Amino acid sequence: MTKIAPKTLAKKIIKIAWEKKAEDIVLLDLKKVSSMTDYFLICSAGSGVQARVIAESILEGLDESKTLSHVEGLEGAHWILIDCFGVVVHIFLPEVREFYGLERLWGDAPRQEFPDGI
């Protein structure tokens, strides 16, 4: 089984999310601040329907047997989490993203923004 590098996987997911009109895409590099994962990929969706579309497109674009651990929040679609081992994707509605403030909690992690996609 070939394992995809976390940074390569993150870029693939960013491209998919951008194509589905995800907003405020941010990649936090957690390698030096946490042992739980290498990257958090955080983005916003304008509605629950859009959040589900983004998540489902990411899932379709991944080779699940090699990269996917589990998914949470698809039903409610306020905060969808896709655990891809080295990359944990968080798709938020804007008000939920603001409330939980993952970017503030992980403020010491190097941050990369993608206003124009990859």
N, C-alpha and C. Protein backbone atom coordinates (compact mmCIF):
# COMPACT_ATOMS: atom_id res chain seq x y z
N MET A 1 0.84 -1.18 0.00
CA MET A 1 0.00 0.00 0.00
C MET A 1 0.89 1.25 0.00
N THR A 2 0.64 2.17 -0.91
CA THR A 2 1.38 3.41 -1.01
C THR A 2 0.71 4.45 -0.15
N LYS A 3 1.50 5.10 0.69
CA LYS A 3 0.96 6.13 1.56
C LYS A 3 1.24 7.50 0.94
N ILE A 4 0.23 8.35 0.89
CA ILE A 4 0.39 9.69 0.34
C ILE A 4 0.91 10.61 1.46
N ALA A 5 1.87 11.46 1.13
CA ALA A 5 2.44 12.38 2.10
C ALA A 5 1.36 13.36 2.58
N PRO A 6 1.33 13.69 3.87
CA PRO A 6 0.29 14.58 4.40
C PRO A 6 0.21 15.93 3.66
N LYS A 7 1.33 16.53 3.32
CA LYS A 7 1.30 17.83 2.63
C LYS A 7 0.69 17.68 1.24
N THR A 8 1.01 16.60 0.54
CA THR A 8 0.43 16.33 -0.77
C THR A 8 -1.07 16.11 -0.65
N LEU A 9 -1.48 15.35 0.37
CA LEU A 9 -2.89 15.11 0.62
C LEU A 9 -3.62 16.41 0.94
N ALA A 10 -3.00 17.27 1.75
CA ALA A 10 -3.62 18.56 2.10
C ALA A 10 -3.84 19.39 0.85
N LYS A 11 -2.86 19.44 -0.03
CA LYS A 11 -3.01 20.21 -1.27
C LYS A 11 -4.13 19.66 -2.14
N LYS A 12 -4.25 18.34 -2.20
CA LYS A 12 -5.33 17.72 -2.98
C LYS A 12 -6.69 18.12 -2.39
N ILE A 13 -6.80 18.08 -1.08
CA ILE A 13 -8.06 18.44 -0.41
C ILE A 13 -8.38 19.92 -0.59
N ILE A 14 -7.37 20.77 -0.49
CA ILE A 14 -7.58 22.21 -0.70
C ILE A 14 -8.13 22.47 -2.10
N LYS A 15 -7.57 21.80 -3.09
CA LYS A 15 -8.04 21.97 -4.47
C LYS A 15 -9.50 21.57 -4.60
N ILE A 16 -9.87 20.43 -4.00
CA ILE A 16 -11.26 19.97 -4.07
C ILE A 16 -12.19 20.97 -3.36
N ALA A 17 -11.79 21.39 -2.16
CA ALA A 17 -12.62 22.34 -1.39
C ALA A 17 -12.79 23.65 -2.16
N TRP A 18 -11.70 24.14 -2.75
CA TRP A 18 -11.75 25.39 -3.51
C TRP A 18 -12.70 25.26 -4.71
N GLU A 19 -12.66 24.13 -5.38
CA GLU A 19 -13.54 23.91 -6.54
C GLU A 19 -15.02 23.92 -6.14
N LYS A 20 -15.30 23.59 -4.88
CA LYS A 20 -16.68 23.61 -4.38
C LYS A 20 -17.00 24.90 -3.63
N LYS A 21 -16.19 25.92 -3.86
CA LYS A 21 -16.41 27.28 -3.35
C LYS A 21 -16.26 27.41 -1.84
N ALA A 22 -15.42 26.57 -1.23
CA ALA A 22 -15.10 26.76 0.19
C ALA A 22 -14.43 28.12 0.35
N GLU A 23 -14.64 28.74 1.49
CA GLU A 23 -14.09 30.07 1.76
C GLU A 23 -13.12 30.02 2.93
N ASP A 24 -12.26 31.03 3.00
CA ASP A 24 -11.31 31.19 4.11
C ASP A 24 -10.57 29.89 4.40
N ILE A 25 -9.95 29.33 3.38
CA ILE A 25 -9.22 28.07 3.54
C ILE A 25 -7.88 28.35 4.21
N VAL A 26 -7.64 27.63 5.31
CA VAL A 26 -6.42 27.81 6.09
C VAL A 26 -5.82 26.44 6.39
N LEU A 27 -4.51 26.34 6.27
CA LEU A 27 -3.80 25.11 6.61
C LEU A 27 -2.89 25.43 7.79
N LEU A 28 -3.11 24.73 8.91
CA LEU A 28 -2.27 24.88 10.09
C LEU A 28 -1.30 23.71 10.15
N ASP A 29 -0.01 24.02 10.27
CA ASP A 29 1.03 22.99 10.35
C ASP A 29 1.24 22.66 11.83
N LEU A 30 0.78 21.50 12.24
CA LEU A 30 0.83 21.11 13.65
C LEU A 30 2.01 20.19 13.98
N LYS A 31 2.87 19.93 13.02
CA LYS A 31 3.93 18.95 13.23
C LYS A 31 4.80 19.25 14.45
N LYS A 32 5.07 20.52 14.71
CA LYS A 32 5.96 20.88 15.82
C LYS A 32 5.20 21.23 17.10
N VAL A 33 3.87 21.27 17.04
CA VAL A 33 3.10 21.67 18.23
C VAL A 33 2.15 20.59 18.74
N SER A 34 2.01 19.50 18.00
CA SER A 34 1.10 18.43 18.42
C SER A 34 1.51 17.11 17.78
N SER A 35 1.21 16.04 18.48
CA SER A 35 1.51 14.72 17.92
C SER A 35 0.26 14.05 17.34
N MET A 36 -0.89 14.74 17.40
CA MET A 36 -2.14 14.12 16.95
C MET A 36 -2.27 14.03 15.44
N THR A 37 -1.74 15.00 14.71
CA THR A 37 -1.81 15.02 13.25
C THR A 37 -0.77 16.00 12.74
N ASP A 38 -0.51 15.97 11.44
CA ASP A 38 0.44 16.91 10.86
C ASP A 38 -0.21 18.25 10.52
N TYR A 39 -1.46 18.19 10.02
CA TYR A 39 -2.12 19.41 9.54
C TYR A 39 -3.58 19.44 9.94
N PHE A 40 -4.06 20.64 10.23
CA PHE A 40 -5.49 20.95 10.28
C PHE A 40 -5.78 21.77 9.04
N LEU A 41 -6.76 21.37 8.26
CA LEU A 41 -7.23 22.16 7.14
C LEU A 41 -8.61 22.67 7.55
N ILE A 42 -8.76 23.98 7.60
CA ILE A 42 -9.99 24.61 8.07
C ILE A 42 -10.57 25.45 6.94
N CYS A 43 -11.88 25.30 6.72
CA CYS A 43 -12.53 26.14 5.71
C CYS A 43 -13.97 26.40 6.13
N SER A 44 -14.59 27.35 5.47
CA SER A 44 -15.97 27.72 5.76
C SER A 44 -16.86 27.44 4.55
N ALA A 45 -18.13 27.18 4.85
CA ALA A 45 -19.16 26.99 3.82
C ALA A 45 -20.31 27.92 4.14
N GLY A 46 -20.98 28.40 3.11
CA GLY A 46 -22.08 29.36 3.29
C GLY A 46 -23.36 28.77 3.83
N SER A 47 -23.50 27.45 3.77
CA SER A 47 -24.72 26.79 4.27
C SER A 47 -24.40 25.34 4.59
N GLY A 48 -25.32 24.68 5.28
CA GLY A 48 -25.16 23.27 5.57
C GLY A 48 -25.10 22.43 4.30
N VAL A 49 -25.91 22.81 3.33
CA VAL A 49 -25.91 22.08 2.06
C VAL A 49 -24.53 22.19 1.40
N GLN A 50 -23.97 23.39 1.37
CA GLN A 50 -22.66 23.57 0.77
C GLN A 50 -21.59 22.81 1.57
N ALA A 51 -21.69 22.81 2.89
CA ALA A 51 -20.73 22.08 3.72
C ALA A 51 -20.75 20.60 3.37
N ARG A 52 -21.94 20.04 3.21
CA ARG A 52 -22.06 18.62 2.84
C ARG A 52 -21.48 18.37 1.45
N VAL A 53 -21.73 19.28 0.51
CA VAL A 53 -21.20 19.12 -0.85
C VAL A 53 -19.67 19.13 -0.82
N ILE A 54 -19.10 20.05 -0.06
CA ILE A 54 -17.63 20.11 0.06
C ILE A 54 -17.12 18.79 0.64
N ALA A 55 -17.73 18.35 1.75
CA ALA A 55 -17.29 17.12 2.41
C ALA A 55 -17.43 15.91 1.49
N GLU A 56 -18.57 15.78 0.84
CA GLU A 56 -18.79 14.63 -0.04
C GLU A 56 -17.83 14.65 -1.23
N SER A 57 -17.51 15.83 -1.74
CA SER A 57 -16.55 15.93 -2.84
C SER A 57 -15.15 15.52 -2.38
N ILE A 58 -14.78 15.92 -1.17
CA ILE A 58 -13.49 15.50 -0.62
C ILE A 58 -13.46 13.99 -0.48
N LEU A 59 -14.51 13.42 0.07
CA LEU A 59 -14.56 11.97 0.26
C LEU A 59 -14.48 11.23 -1.07
N GLU A 60 -15.17 11.74 -2.08
CA GLU A 60 -15.13 11.12 -3.40
C GLU A 60 -13.74 11.21 -4.02
N GLY A 61 -13.02 12.30 -3.71
CA GLY A 61 -11.71 12.52 -4.30
C GLY A 61 -10.57 11.79 -3.61
N LEU A 62 -10.86 11.16 -2.47
CA LEU A 62 -9.82 10.46 -1.73
C LEU A 62 -9.88 8.96 -2.00
N ASP A 63 -8.74 8.34 -1.91
CA ASP A 63 -8.69 6.88 -1.92
C ASP A 63 -8.90 6.46 -0.47
N GLU A 64 -10.16 6.22 -0.12
CA GLU A 64 -10.53 6.02 1.28
C GLU A 64 -9.79 4.89 1.96
N SER A 65 -9.43 3.87 1.24
CA SER A 65 -8.74 2.74 1.86
C SER A 65 -7.37 3.13 2.39
N LYS A 66 -6.81 4.19 1.85
CA LYS A 66 -5.46 4.60 2.25
C LYS A 66 -5.43 5.86 3.10
N THR A 67 -6.44 6.70 2.99
CA THR A 67 -6.32 8.02 3.61
C THR A 67 -7.40 8.36 4.63
N LEU A 68 -8.50 7.67 4.66
CA LEU A 68 -9.63 8.09 5.50
C LEU A 68 -9.72 7.27 6.78
N SER A 69 -9.79 7.97 7.90
CA SER A 69 -10.01 7.31 9.18
C SER A 69 -11.49 7.32 9.53
N HIS A 70 -12.07 8.53 9.66
CA HIS A 70 -13.51 8.63 9.92
C HIS A 70 -14.04 10.03 9.63
N VAL A 71 -15.36 10.13 9.61
CA VAL A 71 -16.06 11.39 9.31
C VAL A 71 -17.09 11.62 10.42
N GLU A 72 -17.21 12.87 10.84
CA GLU A 72 -18.22 13.24 11.83
C GLU A 72 -18.94 14.50 11.36
N GLY A 73 -20.21 14.63 11.70
CA GLY A 73 -20.95 15.86 11.50
C GLY A 73 -21.63 16.03 10.17
N LEU A 74 -21.63 15.02 9.31
CA LEU A 74 -22.26 15.17 7.99
C LEU A 74 -23.76 15.46 8.11
N GLU A 75 -24.40 14.85 9.07
CA GLU A 75 -25.85 15.01 9.20
C GLU A 75 -26.25 16.44 9.56
N GLY A 76 -25.63 17.00 10.58
CA GLY A 76 -25.97 18.36 11.00
C GLY A 76 -25.34 19.43 10.13
N ALA A 77 -24.14 19.15 9.63
CA ALA A 77 -23.40 19.99 8.69
C ALA A 77 -23.07 21.39 9.21
N HIS A 78 -22.98 21.56 10.52
CA HIS A 78 -22.51 22.83 11.08
C HIS A 78 -20.99 22.82 11.20
N TRP A 79 -20.47 21.63 11.55
CA TRP A 79 -19.04 21.40 11.65
C TRP A 79 -18.81 19.96 11.21
N ILE A 80 -18.23 19.81 10.05
CA ILE A 80 -17.93 18.47 9.53
C ILE A 80 -16.43 18.24 9.70
N LEU A 81 -16.09 17.10 10.27
CA LEU A 81 -14.70 16.73 10.49
C LEU A 81 -14.41 15.48 9.65
N ILE A 82 -13.34 15.55 8.87
CA ILE A 82 -12.88 14.40 8.09
C ILE A 82 -11.45 14.11 8.54
N ASP A 83 -11.26 12.97 9.18
CA ASP A 83 -9.95 12.58 9.69
C ASP A 83 -9.25 11.74 8.63
N CYS A 84 -8.18 12.28 8.10
CA CYS A 84 -7.39 11.59 7.07
C CYS A 84 -6.00 11.27 7.62
N PHE A 85 -5.93 10.93 8.90
CA PHE A 85 -4.69 10.59 9.59
C PHE A 85 -3.76 11.80 9.65
N GLY A 86 -2.97 12.06 8.64
CA GLY A 86 -2.02 13.17 8.66
C GLY A 86 -2.65 14.53 8.44
N VAL A 87 -3.89 14.55 7.98
CA VAL A 87 -4.62 15.80 7.74
C VAL A 87 -6.01 15.64 8.33
N VAL A 88 -6.40 16.58 9.18
CA VAL A 88 -7.76 16.59 9.71
C VAL A 88 -8.46 17.81 9.12
N VAL A 89 -9.53 17.55 8.38
CA VAL A 89 -10.28 18.61 7.69
C VAL A 89 -11.45 19.05 8.57
N HIS A 90 -11.60 20.37 8.72
CA HIS A 90 -12.73 20.95 9.46
C HIS A 90 -13.48 21.86 8.50
N ILE A 91 -14.73 21.54 8.24
CA ILE A 91 -15.58 22.37 7.38
C ILE A 91 -16.64 22.97 8.29
N PHE A 92 -16.64 24.28 8.40
CA PHE A 92 -17.51 24.98 9.33
C PHE A 92 -18.50 25.90 8.63
N LEU A 93 -19.64 26.12 9.27
CA LEU A 93 -20.43 27.30 8.97
C LEU A 93 -19.70 28.44 9.67
N PRO A 94 -19.70 29.67 9.10
CA PRO A 94 -18.88 30.76 9.65
C PRO A 94 -19.10 31.04 11.14
N GLU A 95 -20.35 31.04 11.59
CA GLU A 95 -20.59 31.35 13.00
C GLU A 95 -20.08 30.25 13.93
N VAL A 96 -20.09 29.03 13.49
CA VAL A 96 -19.57 27.91 14.28
C VAL A 96 -18.05 27.97 14.31
N ARG A 97 -17.45 28.30 13.18
CA ARG A 97 -15.99 28.46 13.12
C ARG A 97 -15.53 29.55 14.08
N GLU A 98 -16.23 30.65 14.09
CA GLU A 98 -15.89 31.75 14.99
C GLU A 98 -16.05 31.33 16.45
N PHE A 99 -17.13 30.64 16.76
CA PHE A 99 -17.41 30.23 18.13
C PHE A 99 -16.32 29.31 18.68
N TYR A 100 -15.92 28.29 17.92
CA TYR A 100 -14.94 27.33 18.40
C TYR A 100 -13.50 27.81 18.26
N GLY A 101 -13.23 28.69 17.34
CA GLY A 101 -11.93 29.36 17.24
C GLY A 101 -10.72 28.44 17.19
N LEU A 102 -10.76 27.42 16.35
CA LEU A 102 -9.60 26.52 16.26
C LEU A 102 -8.32 27.27 15.89
N GLU A 103 -8.45 28.27 15.05
CA GLU A 103 -7.27 29.02 14.65
C GLU A 103 -6.66 29.78 15.83
N ARG A 104 -7.51 30.24 16.76
CA ARG A 104 -7.00 30.89 17.97
C ARG A 104 -6.37 29.86 18.91
N LEU A 105 -7.04 28.70 19.06
CA LEU A 105 -6.52 27.67 19.95
C LEU A 105 -5.16 27.14 19.49
N TRP A 106 -4.97 27.07 18.20
CA TRP A 106 -3.72 26.59 17.63
C TRP A 106 -2.92 27.75 17.04
N GLY A 107 -2.97 28.88 17.69
CA GLY A 107 -2.33 30.11 17.20
C GLY A 107 -0.82 30.03 17.07
N ASP A 108 -0.19 29.09 17.77
CA ASP A 108 1.26 28.96 17.67
C ASP A 108 1.70 28.08 16.49
N ALA A 109 0.75 27.51 15.77
CA ALA A 109 1.06 26.68 14.61
C ALA A 109 1.28 27.56 13.38
N PRO A 110 2.29 27.25 12.58
CA PRO A 110 2.46 27.98 11.31
C PRO A 110 1.19 27.87 10.47
N ARG A 111 0.85 28.96 9.82
CA ARG A 111 -0.42 29.08 9.12
C ARG A 111 -0.19 29.47 7.67
N GLN A 112 -0.97 28.84 6.78
CA GLN A 112 -0.92 29.18 5.37
C GLN A 112 -2.35 29.38 4.90
N GLU A 113 -2.60 30.50 4.20
CA GLU A 113 -3.94 30.79 3.70
C GLU A 113 -3.98 30.58 2.20
N PHE A 114 -5.18 30.27 1.70
CA PHE A 114 -5.37 29.97 0.29
C PHE A 114 -6.55 30.77 -0.26
N PRO A 115 -6.39 32.09 -0.39
CA PRO A 115 -7.50 32.91 -0.87
C PRO A 115 -7.86 32.64 -2.34
N ASP A 116 -6.92 32.10 -3.09
CA ASP A 116 -7.14 31.83 -4.51
C ASP A 116 -6.97 30.37 -4.84
N GLY A 117 -7.17 29.50 -3.87
CA GLY A 117 -6.96 28.07 -4.11
C GLY A 117 -5.48 27.76 -4.12
N ILE A 118 -5.12 26.63 -4.69
CA ILE A 118 -3.71 26.19 -4.76
C ILE A 118 -3.02 26.87 -5.92
